[in-house]
Protein backbone atom coordinates (compact mmCIF):
# COMPACT_ATOMS: atom_id res chain seq x y z
CA UNK A 1 0.00 0.00 0.00
CA UNK A 2 1.11 3.53 -0.75
CA UNK A 3 1.89 5.57 2.38
CA UNK A 4 2.22 9.25 3.29
CA UNK A 5 4.61 10.43 6.01
CA UNK A 6 2.88 12.82 8.43
CA UNK A 7 5.34 13.91 11.15
CA UNK A 8 6.93 10.47 11.02
CA UNK A 9 3.64 8.55 11.03
CA UNK A 10 3.19 6.35 7.95
CA UNK A 11 -0.46 6.76 6.95
CA UNK A 12 -1.92 4.37 4.38
CA UNK A 13 -3.57 5.71 1.24
CA UNK A 14 -6.73 3.64 1.45
CA UNK A 15 -10.47 3.98 0.85
CA UNK A 16 -13.41 2.38 2.66
CA UNK A 17 -13.72 -0.66 0.40
CA UNK A 18 -10.00 -1.39 0.60
CA UNK A 19 -9.99 -0.95 4.39
CA UNK A 20 -12.85 -3.40 4.85
CA UNK A 21 -11.18 -5.80 2.44
CA UNK A 22 -7.94 -5.61 4.42
CA UNK A 23 -9.74 -6.22 7.73
CA UNK A 24 -11.45 -9.23 6.13
CA UNK A 25 -8.08 -10.56 5.00
CA UNK A 26 -6.48 -10.02 8.42
CA UNK A 27 -9.42 -11.63 10.25
CA UNK A 28 -8.65 -14.90 8.45
CA UNK A 29 -4.95 -14.80 9.31
CA UNK A 30 -3.58 -17.01 12.15
CA UNK A 31 -1.99 -14.07 13.96
CA UNK A 32 -2.84 -10.81 15.74
CA UNK A 33 -3.01 -7.68 13.58
CA UNK A 34 -3.35 -4.01 14.54
CA UNK A 35 -5.53 -1.55 12.64
CA UNK A 36 -5.03 2.00 13.90
CA UNK A 37 -5.89 5.50 12.76
CA UNK A 38 -4.13 8.81 12.39
CA UNK A 39 -5.66 12.19 13.15
CA UNK A 40 -4.05 15.44 14.29
CA UNK A 41 -4.09 14.32 17.91
CA UNK A 42 -2.43 10.99 17.06
CA UNK A 43 0.33 12.69 15.07
CA UNK A 44 1.01 15.16 17.86
CA UNK A 45 1.20 12.35 20.41
CA UNK A 46 3.48 10.27 18.20
CA UNK A 47 5.77 13.26 17.66
CA UNK A 48 6.70 13.27 21.35
CA UNK A 49 6.10 9.59 22.25
CA UNK A 50 8.52 7.20 20.48
CA UNK A 51 6.68 4.12 21.76
CA UNK A 52 3.38 5.30 20.31
CA UNK A 53 5.08 6.18 17.02
CA UNK A 54 6.58 2.69 16.86
CA UNK A 55 3.17 1.10 17.51
CA UNK A 56 1.55 3.06 14.69
CA UNK A 57 4.36 2.39 12.24
CA UNK A 58 4.38 -1.36 12.90
CA UNK A 59 0.58 -1.68 12.56
CA UNK A 60 -0.80 -3.58 9.59
CA UNK A 61 -2.98 -0.58 8.69
CA UNK A 62 -3.02 3.09 9.71
CA UNK A 63 -5.95 4.86 8.08
CA UNK A 64 -6.70 8.59 7.89
CA UNK A 65 -9.22 9.74 10.49
CA UNK A 66 -9.35 13.49 10.08
CA UNK A 67 -9.50 16.33 7.60
CA UNK A 68 -6.53 17.86 9.40
CA UNK A 69 -4.30 14.99 8.31
CA UNK A 70 -5.62 15.18 4.74
CA UNK A 71 -4.82 18.91 4.64
CA UNK A 72 -1.37 18.24 6.05
CA UNK A 73 -0.71 15.74 3.25
CA UNK A 74 -1.71 18.38 0.70
CA UNK A 75 0.63 20.91 2.29
CA UNK A 76 3.40 18.34 1.91
CA UNK A 77 2.56 17.87 -1.77
CA UNK A 78 0.95 14.46 -1.31
CA UNK A 79 -2.55 13.03 -1.29
CA UNK A 80 -4.41 10.73 1.08
CA UNK A 81 -7.54 8.74 0.39
CA UNK A 82 -10.84 8.99 2.21
CA UNK A 83 -11.29 10.23 5.73
CA UNK A 84 -12.34 6.99 7.42
CA UNK A 85 -13.83 7.89 10.81
CA UNK A 86 -15.12 4.61 12.35
CA UNK A 87 -18.77 5.72 12.85
CA UNK A 88 -19.00 6.18 9.07
CA UNK A 89 -18.16 2.57 8.23
CA UNK A 90 -18.72 0.48 11.36
CA UNK A 91 -22.10 -0.82 10.18
CA UNK A 92 -20.45 -1.97 6.95
CA UNK A 93 -17.94 -3.88 9.09
CA UNK A 94 -20.71 -5.42 11.17
CA UNK A 95 -22.49 -6.54 8.00
CA UNK A 96 -19.24 -8.12 6.82
CA UNK A 97 -18.80 -9.88 10.17
CA UNK A 98 -22.37 -11.20 10.10
CA UNK A 99 -21.94 -12.44 6.54
CA UNK A 100 -18.58 -14.12 7.17
CA UNK A 101 -19.56 -15.26 10.68
CA UNK A 102 -16.65 -13.46 12.30
CA UNK A 103 -16.89 -13.13 16.08
CA UNK A 104 -16.37 -9.74 17.72
CA UNK A 105 -15.34 -8.48 21.16
CA UNK A 106 -15.87 -4.94 22.46
CA UNK A 107 -13.44 -3.29 24.90
CA UNK A 108 -13.74 0.24 26.20
CA UNK A 109 -15.63 3.02 27.99
CA UNK A 110 -17.86 2.31 31.01
CA UNK A 111 -19.81 -0.86 31.73
CA UNK A 112 -23.05 0.91 30.81
CA UNK A 113 -21.76 2.28 27.50
CA UNK A 114 -20.04 -0.87 26.26
CA UNK A 115 -23.07 -2.96 27.25
CA UNK A 116 -25.37 -0.61 25.34
CA UNK A 117 -22.98 -0.63 22.38
CA UNK A 118 -23.17 -4.42 22.18
CA UNK A 119 -26.95 -4.35 22.57
CA UNK A 120 -27.39 -1.67 19.89
CA UNK A 121 -25.02 -3.40 17.46
CA UNK A 122 -26.87 -6.70 17.82
CA UNK A 123 -30.27 -5.05 17.45
CA UNK A 124 -29.15 -3.48 14.16
CA UNK A 125 -27.34 -6.63 13.03
CA UNK A 126 -29.17 -9.67 14.47
CA UNK A 127 -26.65 -12.15 13.05
CA UNK A 128 -23.62 -10.37 14.52
CA UNK A 129 -21.76 -12.76 16.84
CA UNK A 130 -20.63 -10.80 19.92
CA UNK A 131 -18.56 -13.08 22.16
CA UNK A 132 -17.67 -10.60 24.88
CA UNK A 133 -17.51 -7.04 26.18
CA UNK A 134 -15.50 -5.28 28.87
CA UNK A 135 -15.23 -1.75 30.22
CA UNK A 136 -11.93 -0.02 29.53
CA UNK A 137 -10.99 1.45 32.91
CA UNK A 138 -8.34 -0.89 34.25
CA UNK A 139 -4.62 -0.80 35.00
CA UNK A 140 -2.74 -1.73 31.83
CA UNK A 141 0.07 -3.17 33.94
CA UNK A 142 -2.05 -4.90 36.59
CA UNK A 143 -3.80 -8.22 37.13
CA UNK A 144 -6.95 -6.99 35.39
CA UNK A 145 -5.06 -6.64 32.10
CA UNK A 146 -3.72 -10.17 32.41
CA UNK A 147 -7.17 -11.56 33.25
CA UNK A 148 -8.64 -9.71 30.27
CA UNK A 149 -6.02 -11.21 27.94
CA UNK A 150 -6.82 -14.69 29.28
CA UNK A 151 -10.53 -14.12 28.69
CA UNK A 152 -9.97 -12.98 25.11
CA UNK A 153 -7.71 -15.97 24.45
CA UNK A 154 -10.52 -18.27 25.65
CA UNK A 155 -13.18 -16.56 23.52
CA UNK A 156 -10.98 -16.24 20.43
CA UNK A 157 -12.71 -13.29 18.74
CA UNK A 158 -11.84 -12.61 15.13
CA UNK A 159 -12.18 -8.85 15.62
CA UNK A 160 -11.67 -6.73 18.75
CA UNK A 161 -12.91 -3.14 18.80
CA UNK A 162 -11.28 -0.89 21.38
CA UNK A 163 -12.67 2.43 22.55
CA UNK A 164 -10.32 3.66 25.27
CA UNK A 165 -8.86 6.82 23.73
CA UNK A 166 -5.33 7.54 22.51
CA UNK A 167 -2.71 6.32 23.22
CA UNK A 168 -4.18 3.96 25.82
CA UNK A 169 -6.08 1.74 23.37
CA UNK A 170 -3.07 1.39 21.06
CA UNK A 171 -0.68 0.62 23.92
CA UNK A 172 -3.04 -2.00 25.32
CA UNK A 173 -3.25 -3.63 21.88
CA UNK A 174 0.53 -3.62 21.53
CA UNK A 175 0.94 -5.35 24.90
CA UNK A 176 -1.93 -7.78 24.35
CA UNK A 177 -0.63 -8.76 20.91
CA UNK A 178 2.04 -10.88 22.57
CA UNK A 179 -0.58 -12.84 24.53
CA UNK A 180 -3.38 -13.30 22.02
CA UNK A 181 -3.25 -16.01 19.40
CA UNK A 182 -5.25 -14.33 16.65
CA UNK A 183 -7.61 -11.47 15.85
CA UNK A 184 -7.70 -7.97 14.40
CA UNK A 185 -7.57 -5.22 17.03
CA UNK A 186 -9.15 -2.03 15.70
CA UNK A 187 -8.85 1.27 17.61
CA UNK A 188 -12.11 3.21 17.40
CA UNK A 189 -11.83 6.04 19.96
CA UNK A 190 -15.23 7.53 20.87
CA UNK A 191 -17.19 5.19 18.59
CA UNK A 192 -19.04 3.42 21.42
CA UNK A 193 -20.43 6.69 22.78
CA UNK A 194 -21.46 8.00 19.36
CA UNK A 195 -23.04 4.74 18.24
CA UNK A 196 -25.20 4.44 21.36
CA UNK A 197 -26.12 8.12 21.59
CA UNK A 198 -24.36 8.53 24.95
CA UNK A 199 -22.55 11.40 23.23
CA UNK A 200 -23.87 13.17 20.15
CA UNK A 201 -21.71 13.60 17.10
CA UNK A 202 -21.57 16.88 15.19
CA UNK A 203 -24.16 17.46 12.42
CA UNK A 204 -23.33 15.82 9.10
CA UNK A 205 -22.64 19.15 7.37
CA UNK A 206 -19.88 19.77 9.92
CA UNK A 207 -18.38 16.28 9.79
CA UNK A 208 -18.30 16.41 5.98
CA UNK A 209 -16.59 19.80 5.83
CA UNK A 210 -13.77 19.40 8.33
CA UNK A 211 -15.51 21.14 11.24
CA UNK A 212 -16.09 18.24 13.61
CA UNK A 213 -13.25 19.50 15.80
CA UNK A 214 -15.07 22.81 16.27
CA UNK A 215 -18.28 21.09 17.38
CA UNK A 216 -16.35 19.01 19.93
CA UNK A 217 -14.56 22.10 21.21
CA UNK A 218 -17.82 24.06 21.61
CA UNK A 219 -19.61 21.23 23.43
CA UNK A 220 -16.69 20.40 25.77
CA UNK A 221 -14.31 23.41 25.80
CA UNK A 222 -12.42 22.50 28.96
CA UNK A 223 -11.90 18.88 27.93
CA UNK A 224 -10.91 19.67 24.33
CA UNK A 225 -8.94 22.91 24.84
CA UNK A 226 -5.47 21.38 24.79
CA UNK A 227 -6.30 19.00 21.95
CA UNK A 228 -7.63 21.65 19.57
CA UNK A 229 -6.73 25.20 20.68
CA UNK A 230 -3.15 24.19 21.43
CA UNK A 231 -2.83 21.04 19.35
CA UNK A 232 -4.01 22.28 15.93
CA UNK A 233 -1.62 25.27 15.60
CA UNK A 234 1.22 23.13 16.94
CA UNK A 235 0.47 20.40 14.40
CA UNK A 236 0.52 22.77 11.43
CA UNK A 237 3.66 24.48 12.67
CA UNK A 238 5.33 21.07 12.70
CA UNK A 239 3.93 20.25 9.23
CA UNK A 240 5.33 23.48 7.78
CA UNK A 241 8.67 22.69 9.37
CA UNK A 242 8.55 19.21 7.81
CA UNK A 243 7.75 20.78 4.44
CA UNK A 244 10.69 23.16 4.67
CA UNK A 245 13.17 20.58 5.96
CA UNK A 246 11.90 17.71 3.85
CA UNK A 247 12.12 15.40 6.89
């Protein structure tokens, strides 16, 4: 696959059909695969966190999840494919799983949210095979993480969706990869909350025109201040520096 370098992160040039096809291919493989995403926040984190950068760059797929990253590619004289935010294609993935009889496991958020996510997914896709769910607030280095890995090994899901936020979900997947025998681990961020309605996504006209960040900032200014008010200018400053230096 063709890739674009965004602040050291290798982002795949891929569209929705190709992404789903790749997940399908990986789900049949006898090993654990990582499917991650790159947005402005991810690139900023990876810029100052070598471990996170390594995780992204050794993943089987890193898809574009943000207009900010697409704009950055343009500024660097390159071109990315579609913006592939998980809520836009997750039902397509569930239809694929139901058709191919892939089993799925959901990990992330609170007990109430992940339970509702599983319930909503199965109500929309009656033939979806959900083999487990778990809230995402646990010590990554503690006994709970080890017990979780043992549970997933027993249930052998083909696909694991994580919704624990960056870089926590990616670092858990990286650690768990050594313990699990097979499966595709897909980082989905706030998907569980959006899918269930626990948190409302921006209107479609905003999400389709690169303004989703503004809606999130307006609805939760204190929570999102550092990510957007500080993070966006910093990201583009770094992109311009990459353009000038060529590195």
